[in-house]
Amino acid sequence: MDDCEYLDLDEIEFAPVDHTAERLALLTLEEAHDLLRLLLTVEQEGKEPLSREANRLAKEIAARIPFEN
């Protein structure tokens, strides 16, 4: 996804995974791209602290999925 080229993947702090916790079902690639677009839209609105959290989540998702064609 071209909107994510500015993301510095070295800055991402991934949430620790508790192996005893139940995990959510995996998203399809299309769902992941839809969610990434939504998070980037929220981030661009610039309303703190929501935009900061949207940016953090967008970085985590972008690091885990291939770019959209």
N, C-alpha and C. Protein backbone atom coordinates (compact mmCIF):
# COMPACT_ATOMS: atom_id res chain seq x y z
N MET A 1 0.85 -1.17 0.00
CA MET A 1 0.00 0.00 0.00
C MET A 1 0.89 1.22 0.00
N ASP A 2 0.74 2.10 -0.97
CA ASP A 2 1.60 3.26 -1.13
C ASP A 2 1.49 4.23 0.04
N ASP A 3 0.35 4.30 0.72
CA ASP A 3 0.15 5.21 1.83
C ASP A 3 1.05 4.87 3.01
N CYS A 4 1.64 3.71 3.02
CA CYS A 4 2.42 3.25 4.17
C CYS A 4 3.92 3.37 3.95
N GLU A 5 4.34 3.94 2.83
CA GLU A 5 5.77 4.01 2.54
C GLU A 5 6.52 4.82 3.58
N TYR A 6 5.86 5.77 4.24
CA TYR A 6 6.52 6.61 5.22
C TYR A 6 6.71 5.91 6.56
N LEU A 7 6.12 4.76 6.75
CA LEU A 7 6.20 4.07 8.03
C LEU A 7 7.61 3.53 8.27
N ASP A 8 8.15 3.85 9.43
CA ASP A 8 9.45 3.32 9.82
C ASP A 8 9.20 2.08 10.66
N LEU A 9 9.38 0.91 10.08
CA LEU A 9 9.05 -0.33 10.76
C LEU A 9 9.93 -0.59 11.97
N ASP A 10 11.08 0.07 12.04
CA ASP A 10 11.94 -0.09 13.21
C ASP A 10 11.38 0.61 14.44
N GLU A 11 10.44 1.54 14.23
CA GLU A 11 9.83 2.28 15.35
C GLU A 11 8.66 1.54 15.98
N ILE A 12 8.22 0.48 15.35
CA ILE A 12 7.03 -0.21 15.81
C ILE A 12 7.34 -1.06 17.03
N GLU A 13 6.53 -0.89 18.06
CA GLU A 13 6.65 -1.72 19.25
C GLU A 13 5.46 -2.67 19.25
N PHE A 14 5.70 -3.92 18.89
CA PHE A 14 4.62 -4.88 18.81
C PHE A 14 4.16 -5.28 20.20
N ALA A 15 2.87 -5.46 20.33
CA ALA A 15 2.30 -5.86 21.61
C ALA A 15 2.74 -7.28 21.94
N PRO A 16 3.07 -7.52 23.20
CA PRO A 16 3.44 -8.88 23.58
C PRO A 16 2.25 -9.82 23.44
N VAL A 17 2.51 -11.04 23.08
CA VAL A 17 1.44 -12.01 22.90
C VAL A 17 1.42 -12.94 24.10
N ASP A 18 0.29 -12.98 24.78
CA ASP A 18 0.12 -13.90 25.89
C ASP A 18 -0.35 -15.22 25.29
N HIS A 19 0.49 -16.23 25.37
CA HIS A 19 0.17 -17.51 24.73
C HIS A 19 -1.01 -18.22 25.37
N THR A 20 -1.43 -17.77 26.54
CA THR A 20 -2.58 -18.40 27.17
C THR A 20 -3.87 -17.69 26.79
N ALA A 21 -3.75 -16.51 26.20
CA ALA A 21 -4.95 -15.74 25.83
C ALA A 21 -5.51 -16.26 24.51
N GLU A 22 -6.81 -16.18 24.39
CA GLU A 22 -7.45 -16.57 23.14
C GLU A 22 -7.21 -15.47 22.12
N ARG A 23 -6.83 -15.85 20.90
CA ARG A 23 -6.55 -14.87 19.85
C ARG A 23 -7.76 -14.73 18.94
N LEU A 24 -7.85 -13.57 18.32
CA LEU A 24 -8.92 -13.34 17.35
C LEU A 24 -8.66 -14.16 16.09
N ALA A 25 -9.71 -14.46 15.38
CA ALA A 25 -9.56 -15.15 14.10
C ALA A 25 -8.77 -14.26 13.15
N LEU A 26 -8.04 -14.87 12.23
CA LEU A 26 -7.24 -14.12 11.27
C LEU A 26 -8.14 -13.35 10.32
N LEU A 27 -7.66 -12.18 9.91
CA LEU A 27 -8.36 -11.40 8.91
C LEU A 27 -7.94 -11.89 7.52
N THR A 28 -8.82 -11.73 6.56
CA THR A 28 -8.40 -11.97 5.18
C THR A 28 -7.50 -10.81 4.79
N LEU A 29 -6.74 -10.97 3.73
CA LEU A 29 -5.86 -9.90 3.28
C LEU A 29 -6.69 -8.67 2.90
N GLU A 30 -7.81 -8.90 2.25
CA GLU A 30 -8.67 -7.78 1.87
C GLU A 30 -9.18 -7.04 3.12
N GLU A 31 -9.58 -7.78 4.16
CA GLU A 31 -10.03 -7.16 5.41
C GLU A 31 -8.91 -6.37 6.07
N ALA A 32 -7.71 -6.91 6.03
CA ALA A 32 -6.57 -6.22 6.63
C ALA A 32 -6.28 -4.91 5.91
N HIS A 33 -6.37 -4.91 4.59
CA HIS A 33 -6.16 -3.67 3.83
C HIS A 33 -7.28 -2.67 4.11
N ASP A 34 -8.50 -3.15 4.22
CA ASP A 34 -9.63 -2.27 4.56
C ASP A 34 -9.42 -1.63 5.93
N LEU A 35 -9.00 -2.43 6.89
CA LEU A 35 -8.75 -1.92 8.23
C LEU A 35 -7.59 -0.92 8.23
N LEU A 36 -6.56 -1.20 7.47
CA LEU A 36 -5.43 -0.30 7.37
C LEU A 36 -5.87 1.05 6.79
N ARG A 37 -6.68 1.02 5.73
CA ARG A 37 -7.20 2.27 5.15
C ARG A 37 -8.01 3.06 6.16
N LEU A 38 -8.85 2.37 6.93
CA LEU A 38 -9.67 3.02 7.95
C LEU A 38 -8.79 3.68 9.01
N LEU A 39 -7.78 2.94 9.48
CA LEU A 39 -6.89 3.48 10.51
C LEU A 39 -6.11 4.69 10.00
N LEU A 40 -5.66 4.64 8.76
CA LEU A 40 -4.94 5.78 8.19
C LEU A 40 -5.85 6.99 8.04
N THR A 41 -7.11 6.77 7.73
CA THR A 41 -8.07 7.87 7.65
C THR A 41 -8.28 8.50 9.02
N VAL A 42 -8.43 7.68 10.04
CA VAL A 42 -8.60 8.18 11.41
C VAL A 42 -7.35 8.95 11.83
N GLU A 43 -6.18 8.40 11.51
CA GLU A 43 -4.93 9.07 11.87
C GLU A 43 -4.82 10.44 11.22
N GLN A 44 -5.24 10.55 9.97
CA GLN A 44 -5.13 11.81 9.25
C GLN A 44 -6.09 12.87 9.77
N GLU A 45 -7.13 12.45 10.49
CA GLU A 45 -8.04 13.41 11.11
C GLU A 45 -7.31 14.24 12.16
N GLY A 46 -6.29 13.66 12.80
CA GLY A 46 -5.44 14.39 13.72
C GLY A 46 -6.02 14.68 15.08
N LYS A 47 -7.01 13.94 15.52
CA LYS A 47 -7.60 14.16 16.83
C LYS A 47 -6.93 13.25 17.85
N GLU A 48 -6.12 13.83 18.71
CA GLU A 48 -5.40 13.07 19.74
C GLU A 48 -6.38 12.65 20.83
N PRO A 49 -6.20 11.56 21.51
CA PRO A 49 -5.17 10.53 21.35
C PRO A 49 -5.57 9.48 20.32
N LEU A 50 -6.76 9.61 19.73
CA LEU A 50 -7.24 8.61 18.79
C LEU A 50 -6.33 8.49 17.57
N SER A 51 -5.85 9.61 17.03
CA SER A 51 -4.99 9.54 15.85
C SER A 51 -3.66 8.86 16.17
N ARG A 52 -3.14 9.07 17.36
CA ARG A 52 -1.88 8.43 17.76
C ARG A 52 -2.05 6.92 17.83
N GLU A 53 -3.16 6.46 18.41
CA GLU A 53 -3.42 5.02 18.51
C GLU A 53 -3.69 4.42 17.13
N ALA A 54 -4.41 5.13 16.28
CA ALA A 54 -4.66 4.66 14.92
C ALA A 54 -3.35 4.52 14.16
N ASN A 55 -2.43 5.47 14.35
CA ASN A 55 -1.13 5.41 13.70
C ASN A 55 -0.35 4.19 14.18
N ARG A 56 -0.37 3.94 15.48
CA ARG A 56 0.36 2.80 16.03
C ARG A 56 -0.19 1.49 15.47
N LEU A 57 -1.50 1.36 15.44
CA LEU A 57 -2.10 0.13 14.92
C LEU A 57 -1.87 -0.02 13.42
N ALA A 58 -1.91 1.08 12.68
CA ALA A 58 -1.66 1.04 11.24
C ALA A 58 -0.24 0.55 10.96
N LYS A 59 0.72 1.00 11.76
CA LYS A 59 2.10 0.55 11.59
C LYS A 59 2.22 -0.95 11.84
N GLU A 60 1.56 -1.42 12.87
CA GLU A 60 1.64 -2.86 13.18
C GLU A 60 1.03 -3.69 12.07
N ILE A 61 -0.11 -3.27 11.55
CA ILE A 61 -0.77 -4.01 10.48
C ILE A 61 0.05 -3.95 9.20
N ALA A 62 0.55 -2.75 8.86
CA ALA A 62 1.34 -2.58 7.63
C ALA A 62 2.59 -3.46 7.64
N ALA A 63 3.15 -3.68 8.82
CA ALA A 63 4.36 -4.49 8.91
C ALA A 63 4.07 -5.97 8.71
N ARG A 64 2.82 -6.34 8.82
CA ARG A 64 2.46 -7.78 8.78
C ARG A 64 1.78 -8.22 7.49
N ILE A 65 1.43 -7.28 6.62
CA ILE A 65 0.74 -7.65 5.39
C ILE A 65 1.51 -7.13 4.18
N PRO A 66 1.39 -7.80 3.05
CA PRO A 66 2.05 -7.31 1.84
C PRO A 66 1.33 -6.07 1.32
N PHE A 67 2.07 -5.25 0.57
CA PHE A 67 1.48 -4.05 -0.01
C PHE A 67 0.37 -4.43 -0.98
N GLU A 68 -0.63 -3.57 -1.03
CA GLU A 68 -1.76 -3.78 -1.93
C GLU A 68 -1.35 -3.33 -3.33
N ASN A 69 -1.77 -4.07 -4.35
CA ASN A 69 -1.44 -3.70 -5.74
C ASN A 69 -2.31 -2.60 -6.23
